[in-house]
């Protein structure tokens, strides 16, 4: 197993349509789209994905995919990227894996407790 995947869509989509599809399917409230010199109507078919933080993989994607979907890209990583990037956020790119992981772990007859964000919110405080 690796850190990410590369696959192909059944048919080409425009970069803009694909970005909207990512936002909708991951249920992300917003995404960031870096076009890397492309346009909204540029076609994409080969997709690279990495759940969570995929910044370290950007250089390995060049020439292998039309767009890269992950989260937590730094400002300079985005600006330097030669491939379009969709940053859908760390949480929204990782969360879908939990259902698959739960299914895999169920074979071990474990008691699984789901932690909901509402019950266990991470609170932050700004100190000036």
N, C-alpha and C. Protein backbone atom coordinates (compact mmCIF):
# COMPACT_ATOMS: atom_id res chain seq x y z
N UNK A 1 0.83 -1.19 0.00
CA UNK A 1 0.00 0.00 0.00
C UNK A 1 0.87 1.24 0.00
N UNK A 2 0.39 2.28 -0.64
CA UNK A 2 1.11 3.54 -0.69
C UNK A 2 0.34 4.62 0.06
N UNK A 3 0.79 5.83 -0.11
CA UNK A 3 0.13 6.96 0.55
C UNK A 3 -1.06 7.47 -0.22
N UNK A 4 -1.12 7.18 -1.50
CA UNK A 4 -2.20 7.70 -2.33
C UNK A 4 -2.52 6.76 -3.46
N UNK A 5 -3.39 7.21 -4.35
CA UNK A 5 -3.83 6.41 -5.49
C UNK A 5 -3.85 7.26 -6.74
N UNK A 6 -3.69 6.62 -7.87
CA UNK A 6 -3.90 7.26 -9.17
C UNK A 6 -4.89 6.39 -9.92
N UNK A 7 -5.92 7.01 -10.47
CA UNK A 7 -6.92 6.27 -11.22
C UNK A 7 -7.50 7.13 -12.32
N UNK A 8 -8.38 6.54 -13.10
CA UNK A 8 -8.99 7.26 -14.21
C UNK A 8 -10.50 7.34 -14.05
N UNK A 9 -11.03 8.49 -14.40
CA UNK A 9 -12.48 8.67 -14.46
C UNK A 9 -12.99 7.86 -15.65
N UNK A 10 -14.25 7.45 -15.61
CA UNK A 10 -14.81 6.70 -16.73
C UNK A 10 -14.88 7.57 -17.98
N UNK A 11 -15.05 8.87 -17.80
CA UNK A 11 -15.00 9.80 -18.93
C UNK A 11 -14.43 11.13 -18.46
N UNK A 12 -13.83 11.84 -19.39
CA UNK A 12 -13.24 13.14 -19.06
C UNK A 12 -14.28 14.09 -18.51
N UNK A 13 -13.80 14.98 -17.62
CA UNK A 13 -14.62 16.07 -17.10
C UNK A 13 -13.81 17.35 -17.23
N UNK A 14 -14.48 18.47 -17.18
CA UNK A 14 -13.73 19.71 -17.10
C UNK A 14 -13.18 19.84 -15.69
N UNK A 15 -12.12 20.60 -15.56
CA UNK A 15 -11.52 20.82 -14.24
C UNK A 15 -12.56 21.37 -13.28
N UNK A 16 -13.36 22.33 -13.75
CA UNK A 16 -14.38 22.95 -12.89
C UNK A 16 -15.44 21.92 -12.47
N UNK A 17 -15.92 21.11 -13.40
CA UNK A 17 -16.93 20.09 -13.07
C UNK A 17 -16.37 19.06 -12.09
N UNK A 18 -15.12 18.67 -12.31
CA UNK A 18 -14.51 17.70 -11.41
C UNK A 18 -14.36 18.28 -10.01
N UNK A 19 -13.93 19.54 -9.93
CA UNK A 19 -13.78 20.20 -8.63
C UNK A 19 -15.12 20.25 -7.89
N UNK A 20 -16.19 20.59 -8.60
CA UNK A 20 -17.52 20.62 -7.98
C UNK A 20 -17.94 19.23 -7.52
N UNK A 21 -17.59 18.21 -8.30
CA UNK A 21 -17.90 16.83 -7.93
C UNK A 21 -17.16 16.41 -6.66
N UNK A 22 -15.90 16.81 -6.54
CA UNK A 22 -15.11 16.52 -5.34
C UNK A 22 -15.76 17.17 -4.13
N UNK A 23 -16.11 18.44 -4.25
CA UNK A 23 -16.74 19.18 -3.15
C UNK A 23 -18.03 18.49 -2.71
N UNK A 24 -18.86 18.13 -3.67
CA UNK A 24 -20.14 17.50 -3.37
C UNK A 24 -19.95 16.11 -2.74
N UNK A 25 -19.12 15.27 -3.35
CA UNK A 25 -18.96 13.90 -2.88
C UNK A 25 -18.25 13.79 -1.53
N UNK A 26 -17.35 14.73 -1.24
CA UNK A 26 -16.69 14.71 0.06
C UNK A 26 -17.48 15.50 1.11
N UNK A 27 -18.57 16.13 0.67
CA UNK A 27 -19.41 16.95 1.56
C UNK A 27 -18.59 18.05 2.25
N UNK A 28 -17.65 18.59 1.49
CA UNK A 28 -16.79 19.67 2.01
C UNK A 28 -17.52 21.00 1.86
N UNK A 29 -17.50 21.84 2.89
CA UNK A 29 -18.18 23.13 2.78
C UNK A 29 -17.53 24.04 1.74
N UNK A 30 -16.24 23.85 1.49
CA UNK A 30 -15.54 24.58 0.43
C UNK A 30 -14.29 23.80 0.06
N UNK A 31 -13.77 24.11 -1.12
CA UNK A 31 -12.50 23.54 -1.57
C UNK A 31 -11.66 24.68 -2.13
N UNK A 32 -10.37 24.43 -2.27
CA UNK A 32 -9.48 25.37 -2.94
C UNK A 32 -9.04 24.71 -4.24
N UNK A 33 -9.11 25.46 -5.33
CA UNK A 33 -8.70 24.93 -6.63
C UNK A 33 -7.55 25.77 -7.18
N UNK A 34 -6.42 25.13 -7.38
CA UNK A 34 -5.26 25.76 -8.04
C UNK A 34 -5.22 25.19 -9.45
N UNK A 35 -5.33 26.04 -10.46
CA UNK A 35 -5.43 25.57 -11.83
C UNK A 35 -4.08 25.33 -12.49
N UNK A 36 -3.01 25.81 -11.93
CA UNK A 36 -1.66 25.60 -12.45
C UNK A 36 -1.55 25.98 -13.93
N UNK A 37 -2.16 27.10 -14.29
CA UNK A 37 -2.09 27.57 -15.67
C UNK A 37 -3.16 27.01 -16.59
N UNK A 38 -3.97 26.10 -16.10
CA UNK A 38 -5.08 25.55 -16.87
C UNK A 38 -6.30 26.45 -16.75
N UNK A 39 -7.38 26.10 -17.42
CA UNK A 39 -8.62 26.86 -17.34
C UNK A 39 -9.71 25.99 -16.73
N UNK A 40 -10.85 26.60 -16.42
CA UNK A 40 -11.99 25.85 -15.88
C UNK A 40 -12.42 24.74 -16.84
N UNK A 41 -12.23 24.97 -18.15
CA UNK A 41 -12.69 24.00 -19.14
C UNK A 41 -11.61 22.99 -19.55
N UNK A 42 -10.43 23.05 -18.94
CA UNK A 42 -9.40 22.05 -19.21
C UNK A 42 -9.94 20.68 -18.83
N UNK A 43 -9.61 19.67 -19.62
CA UNK A 43 -10.12 18.32 -19.40
C UNK A 43 -9.22 17.54 -18.43
N UNK A 44 -9.86 16.78 -17.56
CA UNK A 44 -9.14 15.89 -16.64
C UNK A 44 -9.74 14.49 -16.75
N UNK A 45 -8.87 13.51 -16.68
CA UNK A 45 -9.32 12.11 -16.69
C UNK A 45 -8.53 11.29 -15.67
N UNK A 46 -7.24 11.51 -15.61
CA UNK A 46 -6.38 10.75 -14.69
C UNK A 46 -6.24 11.55 -13.40
N UNK A 47 -6.65 10.94 -12.28
CA UNK A 47 -6.77 11.62 -11.00
C UNK A 47 -5.83 11.00 -9.97
N UNK A 48 -5.12 11.85 -9.24
CA UNK A 48 -4.30 11.40 -8.11
C UNK A 48 -5.00 11.85 -6.83
N UNK A 49 -5.04 10.97 -5.83
CA UNK A 49 -5.67 11.32 -4.56
C UNK A 49 -4.81 10.85 -3.39
N UNK A 50 -4.90 11.61 -2.31
CA UNK A 50 -4.24 11.23 -1.06
C UNK A 50 -5.09 11.78 0.07
N UNK A 51 -5.52 10.92 0.97
CA UNK A 51 -6.30 11.36 2.12
C UNK A 51 -5.42 12.10 3.11
N UNK A 52 -5.97 13.14 3.71
CA UNK A 52 -5.23 13.89 4.72
C UNK A 52 -4.33 14.93 4.10
N UNK A 53 -3.05 14.84 4.37
CA UNK A 53 -2.09 15.84 3.89
C UNK A 53 -1.19 15.23 2.81
N UNK A 54 -1.37 15.68 1.57
CA UNK A 54 -0.63 15.09 0.46
C UNK A 54 0.46 15.96 -0.12
N UNK A 55 0.83 17.03 0.55
CA UNK A 55 1.84 17.96 0.03
C UNK A 55 3.11 17.27 -0.41
N UNK A 56 3.56 16.28 0.33
CA UNK A 56 4.84 15.64 0.04
C UNK A 56 4.80 14.84 -1.26
N UNK A 57 3.63 14.58 -1.81
CA UNK A 57 3.52 13.76 -3.01
C UNK A 57 3.43 14.55 -4.31
N UNK A 58 3.30 15.87 -4.23
CA UNK A 58 3.07 16.67 -5.43
C UNK A 58 4.11 16.39 -6.51
N UNK A 59 5.38 16.37 -6.17
CA UNK A 59 6.43 16.13 -7.15
C UNK A 59 6.38 14.76 -7.79
N UNK A 60 5.81 13.80 -7.10
CA UNK A 60 5.72 12.43 -7.62
C UNK A 60 4.54 12.25 -8.57
N UNK A 61 3.65 13.23 -8.62
CA UNK A 61 2.45 13.15 -9.44
C UNK A 61 2.69 13.68 -10.85
N UNK A 62 3.64 14.61 -11.02
CA UNK A 62 3.88 15.25 -12.32
C UNK A 62 3.99 14.22 -13.44
N UNK A 63 3.23 14.45 -14.50
CA UNK A 63 3.27 13.57 -15.65
C UNK A 63 2.50 12.28 -15.47
N UNK A 64 1.93 12.07 -14.29
CA UNK A 64 1.21 10.81 -14.01
C UNK A 64 -0.29 11.02 -13.82
N UNK A 65 -0.71 12.27 -13.63
CA UNK A 65 -2.14 12.56 -13.41
C UNK A 65 -2.44 13.97 -13.93
N UNK A 66 -3.73 14.22 -14.16
CA UNK A 66 -4.17 15.53 -14.64
C UNK A 66 -4.51 16.49 -13.51
N UNK A 67 -4.80 15.95 -12.32
CA UNK A 67 -5.18 16.75 -11.16
C UNK A 67 -4.88 15.94 -9.90
N UNK A 68 -4.61 16.66 -8.81
CA UNK A 68 -4.29 16.01 -7.54
C UNK A 68 -5.25 16.50 -6.48
N UNK A 69 -5.93 15.57 -5.80
CA UNK A 69 -6.89 15.89 -4.74
C UNK A 69 -6.32 15.43 -3.40
N UNK A 70 -6.22 16.35 -2.46
CA UNK A 70 -5.76 16.02 -1.11
C UNK A 70 -6.11 17.18 -0.19
N UNK A 71 -5.32 17.36 0.85
CA UNK A 71 -5.55 18.45 1.79
C UNK A 71 -4.26 18.98 2.36
N UNK A 72 -4.36 20.09 3.05
CA UNK A 72 -3.24 20.68 3.79
C UNK A 72 -2.06 21.12 2.93
N UNK A 73 -2.31 21.60 1.74
CA UNK A 73 -1.22 22.09 0.90
C UNK A 73 -0.76 23.45 1.42
N UNK A 74 0.55 23.64 1.45
CA UNK A 74 1.07 24.94 1.86
C UNK A 74 0.96 25.93 0.70
N UNK A 75 1.02 27.18 1.03
CA UNK A 75 0.93 28.25 0.04
C UNK A 75 1.95 28.06 -1.08
N UNK A 76 3.20 27.85 -0.72
CA UNK A 76 4.26 27.73 -1.73
C UNK A 76 4.17 26.42 -2.51
N UNK A 77 3.71 25.36 -1.88
CA UNK A 77 3.51 24.10 -2.61
C UNK A 77 2.49 24.31 -3.72
N UNK A 78 1.42 25.00 -3.40
CA UNK A 78 0.39 25.28 -4.40
C UNK A 78 0.95 26.16 -5.51
N UNK A 79 1.59 27.25 -5.16
CA UNK A 79 2.12 28.16 -6.18
C UNK A 79 3.16 27.50 -7.08
N UNK A 80 3.94 26.59 -6.55
CA UNK A 80 4.99 25.93 -7.31
C UNK A 80 4.49 24.73 -8.12
N UNK A 81 3.26 24.29 -7.87
CA UNK A 81 2.76 23.08 -8.50
C UNK A 81 2.54 23.27 -10.00
N UNK A 82 2.98 22.28 -10.76
CA UNK A 82 2.79 22.26 -12.21
C UNK A 82 1.53 21.50 -12.59
N UNK A 83 0.83 20.99 -11.60
CA UNK A 83 -0.39 20.21 -11.82
C UNK A 83 -1.52 20.86 -11.03
N UNK A 84 -2.73 20.90 -11.58
CA UNK A 84 -3.86 21.43 -10.80
C UNK A 84 -4.02 20.68 -9.49
N UNK A 85 -4.36 21.42 -8.46
CA UNK A 85 -4.54 20.87 -7.12
C UNK A 85 -5.93 21.23 -6.61
N UNK A 86 -6.60 20.25 -6.04
CA UNK A 86 -7.84 20.51 -5.32
C UNK A 86 -7.56 20.19 -3.86
N UNK A 87 -7.59 21.23 -3.04
CA UNK A 87 -7.38 21.07 -1.60
C UNK A 87 -8.76 21.04 -0.96
N UNK A 88 -9.21 19.85 -0.60
CA UNK A 88 -10.53 19.68 -0.01
C UNK A 88 -10.46 19.59 1.51
N UNK A 89 -9.28 19.82 2.06
CA UNK A 89 -9.11 19.82 3.51
C UNK A 89 -8.73 18.46 4.06
N UNK A 90 -8.00 18.48 5.13
CA UNK A 90 -7.51 17.25 5.77
C UNK A 90 -8.67 16.34 6.20
N UNK A 91 -9.60 16.89 6.94
CA UNK A 91 -10.72 16.11 7.46
C UNK A 91 -11.54 15.48 6.33
N UNK A 92 -11.93 16.29 5.35
CA UNK A 92 -12.85 15.82 4.31
C UNK A 92 -12.21 14.81 3.35
N UNK A 93 -10.89 14.81 3.24
CA UNK A 93 -10.24 13.81 2.39
C UNK A 93 -9.90 12.54 3.17
N UNK A 94 -9.91 12.60 4.47
CA UNK A 94 -9.60 11.43 5.29
C UNK A 94 -10.85 10.72 5.80
N UNK A 95 -11.88 11.47 6.12
CA UNK A 95 -13.07 10.92 6.76
C UNK A 95 -13.71 9.76 5.99
N UNK A 96 -13.81 9.81 4.65
CA UNK A 96 -14.45 8.69 3.94
C UNK A 96 -13.78 7.34 4.17
N UNK A 97 -12.53 7.34 4.52
CA UNK A 97 -11.79 6.10 4.75
C UNK A 97 -12.29 5.39 6.01
N UNK A 98 -12.85 6.13 6.95
CA UNK A 98 -13.26 5.54 8.23
C UNK A 98 -14.32 4.46 8.07
N UNK A 99 -15.25 4.64 7.15
CA UNK A 99 -16.28 3.61 6.94
C UNK A 99 -15.63 2.31 6.45
N UNK A 100 -14.69 2.44 5.51
CA UNK A 100 -13.99 1.24 5.01
C UNK A 100 -13.16 0.60 6.11
N UNK A 101 -12.50 1.42 6.90
CA UNK A 101 -11.68 0.91 7.99
C UNK A 101 -12.55 0.20 9.03
N UNK A 102 -13.70 0.78 9.34
CA UNK A 102 -14.62 0.15 10.28
C UNK A 102 -15.07 -1.21 9.76
N UNK A 103 -15.36 -1.29 8.48
CA UNK A 103 -15.77 -2.56 7.89
C UNK A 103 -14.65 -3.60 7.97
N UNK A 104 -13.42 -3.17 7.69
CA UNK A 104 -12.28 -4.08 7.76
C UNK A 104 -12.04 -4.58 9.19
N UNK A 105 -12.18 -3.67 10.17
CA UNK A 105 -11.94 -4.03 11.56
C UNK A 105 -13.06 -4.88 12.14
N UNK A 106 -14.23 -4.81 11.54
CA UNK A 106 -15.36 -5.59 12.07
C UNK A 106 -15.08 -7.10 12.00
N UNK A 107 -14.20 -7.52 11.11
CA UNK A 107 -13.83 -8.94 11.02
C UNK A 107 -13.09 -9.41 12.27
N UNK A 108 -12.56 -8.48 13.06
CA UNK A 108 -11.80 -8.82 14.26
C UNK A 108 -12.68 -8.88 15.52
N UNK A 109 -13.99 -8.73 15.35
CA UNK A 109 -14.93 -8.80 16.45
C UNK A 109 -14.57 -7.81 17.57
N UNK A 110 -14.28 -6.57 17.17
CA UNK A 110 -13.96 -5.51 18.12
C UNK A 110 -15.20 -4.69 18.42
N UNK A 111 -15.22 -4.10 19.59
CA UNK A 111 -16.28 -3.14 19.89
C UNK A 111 -15.82 -1.80 19.34
N UNK A 112 -16.62 -1.22 18.45
CA UNK A 112 -16.23 0.03 17.80
C UNK A 112 -17.14 1.14 18.29
N UNK A 113 -16.54 2.21 18.78
CA UNK A 113 -17.28 3.38 19.23
C UNK A 113 -17.00 4.53 18.29
N UNK A 114 -18.04 5.09 17.73
CA UNK A 114 -17.88 6.20 16.79
C UNK A 114 -17.80 7.51 17.57
N UNK A 115 -16.77 8.29 17.28
CA UNK A 115 -16.62 9.61 17.91
C UNK A 115 -17.17 10.66 16.96
N UNK A 116 -18.24 11.30 17.37
CA UNK A 116 -18.83 12.36 16.55
C UNK A 116 -18.19 13.69 16.88
N UNK A 117 -17.99 14.50 15.85
CA UNK A 117 -17.36 15.80 16.06
C UNK A 117 -18.17 16.67 17.02
N UNK A 118 -19.49 16.57 16.99
CA UNK A 118 -20.32 17.40 17.87
C UNK A 118 -20.08 17.07 19.34
N UNK A 119 -19.85 15.80 19.64
CA UNK A 119 -19.65 15.38 21.02
C UNK A 119 -18.24 15.67 21.52
N UNK A 120 -17.28 15.68 20.62
CA UNK A 120 -15.88 15.79 21.01
C UNK A 120 -15.19 16.90 20.22
N UNK A 121 -15.79 18.06 20.17
CA UNK A 121 -15.22 19.15 19.40
C UNK A 121 -13.87 19.56 19.99
N UNK A 122 -12.99 19.90 19.07
CA UNK A 122 -11.70 20.42 19.49
C UNK A 122 -11.87 21.92 19.67
N UNK A 123 -11.60 22.38 20.84
CA UNK A 123 -11.77 23.80 21.13
C UNK A 123 -10.40 24.48 21.07
N UNK A 124 -10.39 25.65 20.47
CA UNK A 124 -9.12 26.39 20.41
C UNK A 124 -9.32 27.76 21.03
N UNK A 125 -8.26 28.31 21.48
CA UNK A 125 -8.31 29.61 22.13
C UNK A 125 -7.22 30.49 21.53
N UNK A 126 -7.57 31.70 21.20
CA UNK A 126 -6.59 32.62 20.65
C UNK A 126 -6.05 33.46 21.80
N UNK A 127 -4.75 33.43 21.93
CA UNK A 127 -4.09 34.20 22.98
C UNK A 127 -3.28 35.28 22.32
N UNK A 128 -3.53 36.52 22.70
CA UNK A 128 -2.79 37.64 22.11
C UNK A 128 -1.69 38.11 23.01
